[in-house]
């Protein structure tokens, strides 16, 4: 298991440490106060219909070790939680992705990435089951296969010796970004169907989008067996 510190986060994200110990080790991350656990690092993520930044104080109340936010810091947080870790970034989603890529590169392990129009989840589960005969496997759970879910999956790396991740998309460029975050050693495309054709316009563009999984493929990385 490799330690990820506040200092690492600050450097990787070019972030600002508002308060807290820069040498604190961060083991777990969460974006949801409904499931957050004590000592998790909360990440406030702004979406189209919600703003997770407004729950930073709630996360700290629930025992989070700190929070990462791309919004202004509430004065009451600074007054009542100045012993916690508070990190301000330009964009929380980008920060999450950078931290995940940094952690992925701490681990010299095989990473398998899977995409396709249908069958991603079952293929992921089958591959993970086979790989687990030799390795301790971290795999994508539920629908954590997008620009937020995949980084959160990677940030669960602890004493794992292999990782199997699923990559979903709705538009061109999305799988390319996911692939560059995960830097897989092996890429699997289950098939090319017509899902998302409304966004991509043609089956050819769907193929192009799926082939983006090759963009982050790590060709030269030597892995431990």
Protein backbone atom coordinates (compact mmCIF):
# COMPACT_ATOMS: atom_id res chain seq x y z
CA UNK A 1 0.00 0.00 0.00
CA UNK A 2 1.34 3.42 -0.98
CA UNK A 3 0.59 6.49 1.08
CA UNK A 4 -1.04 9.54 -0.49
CA UNK A 5 -0.47 12.72 1.50
CA UNK A 6 -2.01 16.17 1.55
CA UNK A 7 1.30 17.44 0.17
CA UNK A 8 0.91 15.14 -2.85
CA UNK A 9 -2.60 16.45 -3.48
CA UNK A 10 -1.46 20.06 -3.25
CA UNK A 11 1.39 19.50 -5.70
CA UNK A 12 -0.55 17.37 -8.19
CA UNK A 13 -3.52 19.77 -8.31
CA UNK A 14 -1.59 23.02 -7.89
CA UNK A 15 -4.01 23.57 -5.02
CA UNK A 16 -4.08 25.84 -1.98
CA UNK A 17 -3.99 24.43 1.53
CA UNK A 18 -6.34 26.59 3.60
CA UNK A 19 -5.66 24.77 6.86
CA UNK A 20 -4.43 21.46 8.22
CA UNK A 21 -1.25 19.39 8.30
CA UNK A 22 0.38 19.00 4.90
CA UNK A 23 1.88 15.64 5.92
CA UNK A 24 -1.45 14.00 6.74
CA UNK A 25 -2.00 10.69 4.95
CA UNK A 26 -5.29 10.36 3.04
CA UNK A 27 -6.53 6.81 2.55
CA UNK A 28 -10.14 7.20 1.40
CA UNK A 29 -12.21 9.67 -0.61
CA UNK A 30 -15.94 10.35 -0.80
CA UNK A 31 -18.26 12.68 -2.71
CA UNK A 32 -21.44 11.76 -0.84
CA UNK A 33 -22.22 12.71 2.75
CA UNK A 34 -24.88 9.99 2.84
CA UNK A 35 -22.21 7.29 2.69
CA UNK A 36 -19.13 9.12 3.99
CA UNK A 37 -17.11 7.41 6.71
CA UNK A 38 -14.93 8.91 9.45
CA UNK A 39 -11.52 10.03 8.14
CA UNK A 40 -12.65 10.07 4.50
CA UNK A 41 -11.56 13.06 2.45
CA UNK A 42 -14.71 14.71 1.12
CA UNK A 43 -14.68 16.12 -2.42
CA UNK A 44 -17.26 18.78 -3.20
CA UNK A 45 -18.34 18.26 -6.81
CA UNK A 46 -20.59 20.64 -8.68
CA UNK A 47 -22.97 19.07 -11.18
CA UNK A 48 -25.75 20.34 -13.41
CA UNK A 49 -28.42 19.93 -10.75
CA UNK A 50 -26.48 20.02 -7.50
CA UNK A 51 -23.43 21.52 -5.82
CA UNK A 52 -21.56 19.18 -3.51
CA UNK A 53 -19.53 22.09 -2.16
CA UNK A 54 -22.44 23.13 0.03
CA UNK A 55 -22.09 19.87 1.96
CA UNK A 56 -18.47 20.41 3.01
CA UNK A 57 -19.52 21.47 6.50
CA UNK A 58 -21.84 18.47 6.80
CA UNK A 59 -19.01 16.14 5.78
CA UNK A 60 -16.73 17.58 8.45
CA UNK A 61 -19.50 17.23 11.03
CA UNK A 62 -19.76 13.56 10.10
CA UNK A 63 -16.07 13.00 10.74
CA UNK A 64 -14.40 13.62 7.39
CA UNK A 65 -10.68 14.23 7.75
CA UNK A 66 -11.08 17.23 5.47
CA UNK A 67 -12.56 18.52 2.26
CA UNK A 68 -11.52 19.48 -1.24
CA UNK A 69 -13.59 22.30 -2.72
CA UNK A 70 -13.62 24.58 -5.75
CA UNK A 71 -15.93 27.07 -4.05
CA UNK A 72 -15.41 29.75 -1.44
CA UNK A 73 -14.75 28.59 2.12
CA UNK A 74 -17.54 29.32 4.61
CA UNK A 75 -16.28 31.39 7.55
CA UNK A 76 -17.95 29.03 10.03
CA UNK A 77 -15.92 26.14 8.61
CA UNK A 78 -12.67 28.00 9.20
CA UNK A 79 -13.79 28.92 12.69
CA UNK A 80 -14.97 25.48 13.81
CA UNK A 81 -12.87 23.07 11.77
CA UNK A 82 -9.44 24.69 11.41
CA UNK A 83 -7.79 21.47 12.63
CA UNK A 84 -9.19 19.64 9.60
CA UNK A 85 -7.70 19.55 6.11
CA UNK A 86 -9.26 22.12 3.80
CA UNK A 87 -7.95 22.26 0.23
CA UNK A 88 -9.10 24.71 -2.42
CA UNK A 89 -8.75 23.74 -6.09
CA UNK A 90 -9.71 25.38 -9.36
CA UNK A 91 -12.00 22.53 -10.40
CA UNK A 92 -12.94 19.61 -8.16
CA UNK A 93 -13.56 17.09 -10.97
CA UNK A 94 -10.24 17.86 -12.63
CA UNK A 95 -8.54 17.63 -9.23
CA UNK A 96 -10.17 14.26 -8.57
CA UNK A 97 -8.92 12.95 -11.90
CA UNK A 98 -5.38 14.22 -11.34
CA UNK A 99 -5.21 12.68 -7.87
CA UNK A 100 -6.49 9.36 -9.25
CA UNK A 101 -3.90 9.30 -12.03
CA UNK A 102 -1.18 10.12 -9.51
CA UNK A 103 -2.26 7.24 -7.27
CA UNK A 104 -2.55 4.85 -10.21
CA UNK A 105 1.10 5.60 -11.03
CA UNK A 106 2.19 4.72 -7.50
CA UNK A 107 1.18 1.14 -8.28
CA UNK A 108 3.20 -0.99 -10.67
CA UNK A 109 0.30 -3.38 -11.30
CA UNK A 110 -1.62 -4.72 -14.31
CA UNK A 111 -4.68 -2.65 -15.20
CA UNK A 112 -7.37 -3.94 -17.55
CA UNK A 113 -9.84 -1.44 -19.05
CA UNK A 114 -13.11 -2.51 -20.65
CA UNK A 115 -15.56 -0.62 -22.83
CA UNK A 116 -18.20 -1.44 -25.43
CA UNK A 117 -21.79 -0.73 -26.34
CA UNK A 118 -23.13 -3.68 -24.32
CA UNK A 119 -21.63 -6.32 -22.07
CA UNK A 120 -19.11 -4.10 -20.26
CA UNK A 121 -20.18 -5.04 -16.77
CA UNK A 122 -20.45 -8.80 -17.31
CA UNK A 123 -17.12 -8.82 -19.16
CA UNK A 124 -15.51 -6.83 -16.34
CA UNK A 125 -16.83 -9.27 -13.77
CA UNK A 126 -15.63 -12.30 -15.73
CA UNK A 127 -12.16 -10.86 -16.26
CA UNK A 128 -11.90 -9.78 -12.62
CA UNK A 129 -12.93 -13.27 -11.51
CA UNK A 130 -10.25 -14.89 -13.66
CA UNK A 131 -7.55 -12.40 -12.70
CA UNK A 132 -8.39 -12.85 -9.01
CA UNK A 133 -7.07 -16.41 -9.21
CA UNK A 134 -3.58 -14.90 -9.10
CA UNK A 135 -4.00 -11.26 -8.01
CA UNK A 136 -5.88 -9.27 -5.41
CA UNK A 137 -8.20 -7.33 -7.72
CA UNK A 138 -9.83 -3.93 -7.42
CA UNK A 139 -12.72 -3.65 -9.87
CA UNK A 140 -15.37 -1.12 -10.83
CA UNK A 141 -18.47 -1.45 -8.68
CA UNK A 142 -21.95 -0.41 -9.74
CA UNK A 143 -22.03 2.37 -12.32
CA UNK A 144 -18.74 4.02 -11.32
CA UNK A 145 -17.47 4.04 -14.90
CA UNK A 146 -17.58 7.74 -15.79
CA UNK A 147 -15.46 10.88 -15.33
CA UNK A 148 -16.15 10.86 -11.57
CA UNK A 149 -16.74 7.18 -10.86
CA UNK A 150 -13.57 5.83 -12.46
CA UNK A 151 -11.25 8.16 -10.48
CA UNK A 152 -13.09 7.26 -7.27
CA UNK A 153 -12.53 3.59 -8.08
CA UNK A 154 -8.80 4.12 -8.61
CA UNK A 155 -8.57 6.01 -5.32
CA UNK A 156 -9.70 2.83 -3.53
CA UNK A 157 -6.37 1.18 -4.36
CA UNK A 158 -4.76 -0.16 -1.20
CA UNK A 159 -2.98 -3.51 -1.14
CA UNK A 160 -4.39 -4.58 -4.50
CA UNK A 161 -2.12 -6.20 -7.07
CA UNK A 162 -4.35 -5.75 -10.15
CA UNK A 163 -7.22 -3.54 -11.28
CA UNK A 164 -10.09 -4.12 -13.72
CA UNK A 165 -12.05 -1.02 -14.67
CA UNK A 166 -15.08 -0.29 -16.80
CA UNK A 167 -15.27 2.81 -18.99
CA UNK A 168 -18.54 4.33 -20.17
CA UNK A 169 -19.19 7.35 -22.35
CA UNK A 170 -21.81 9.47 -24.05
CA UNK A 171 -19.64 11.73 -26.21
CA UNK A 172 -16.35 11.78 -28.07
CA UNK A 173 -13.34 12.47 -25.88
CA UNK A 174 -14.72 10.94 -22.69
CA UNK A 175 -13.09 7.51 -22.96
CA UNK A 176 -9.85 9.15 -24.06
CA UNK A 177 -9.76 11.05 -20.79
CA UNK A 178 -10.65 7.97 -18.74
CA UNK A 179 -7.95 5.95 -20.46
CA UNK A 180 -5.34 8.61 -19.71
CA UNK A 181 -6.38 8.58 -16.05
CA UNK A 182 -6.23 4.78 -15.65
CA UNK A 183 -3.32 4.13 -18.05
CA UNK A 184 -4.33 0.49 -18.66
CA UNK A 185 -1.92 -2.23 -19.74
CA UNK A 186 -4.68 -4.09 -21.57
CA UNK A 187 -7.78 -2.71 -23.28
CA UNK A 188 -10.93 -4.67 -24.16
CA UNK A 189 -13.75 -3.52 -26.46
CA UNK A 190 -16.72 -5.85 -26.18
CA UNK A 191 -18.58 -4.64 -29.31
CA UNK A 192 -19.72 -1.58 -31.24
CA UNK A 193 -23.49 -1.09 -31.15
CA UNK A 194 -25.80 1.86 -31.65
CA UNK A 195 -26.18 3.13 -28.10
CA UNK A 196 -25.41 6.87 -27.89
CA UNK A 197 -25.85 7.22 -31.65
CA UNK A 198 -28.03 10.24 -30.88
CA UNK A 199 -25.00 12.02 -29.43
CA UNK A 200 -22.39 10.66 -31.83
CA UNK A 201 -24.31 10.65 -35.09
CA UNK A 202 -23.08 7.40 -36.61
CA UNK A 203 -21.79 3.94 -35.80
CA UNK A 204 -18.44 5.01 -37.19
CA UNK A 205 -18.21 7.76 -34.57
CA UNK A 206 -19.18 5.25 -31.87
CA UNK A 207 -16.26 3.10 -33.02
CA UNK A 208 -14.00 6.13 -32.93
CA UNK A 209 -15.15 6.92 -29.38
CA UNK A 210 -14.58 3.36 -28.17
CA UNK A 211 -11.12 3.22 -29.75
CA UNK A 212 -10.15 6.15 -27.53
CA UNK A 213 -9.52 3.50 -24.88
CA UNK A 214 -6.15 3.09 -26.59
CA UNK A 215 -5.15 6.71 -25.90
CA UNK A 216 -3.84 5.99 -22.41
CA UNK A 217 -2.66 2.45 -23.07
CA UNK A 218 0.64 1.98 -21.29
CA UNK A 219 2.87 0.26 -23.83
CA UNK A 220 6.22 0.56 -22.12
CA UNK A 221 5.25 0.02 -18.47
CA UNK A 222 6.86 -3.04 -16.93
CA UNK A 223 4.67 -4.70 -14.33
CA UNK A 224 5.45 -7.03 -11.48
CA UNK A 225 4.15 -10.57 -11.91
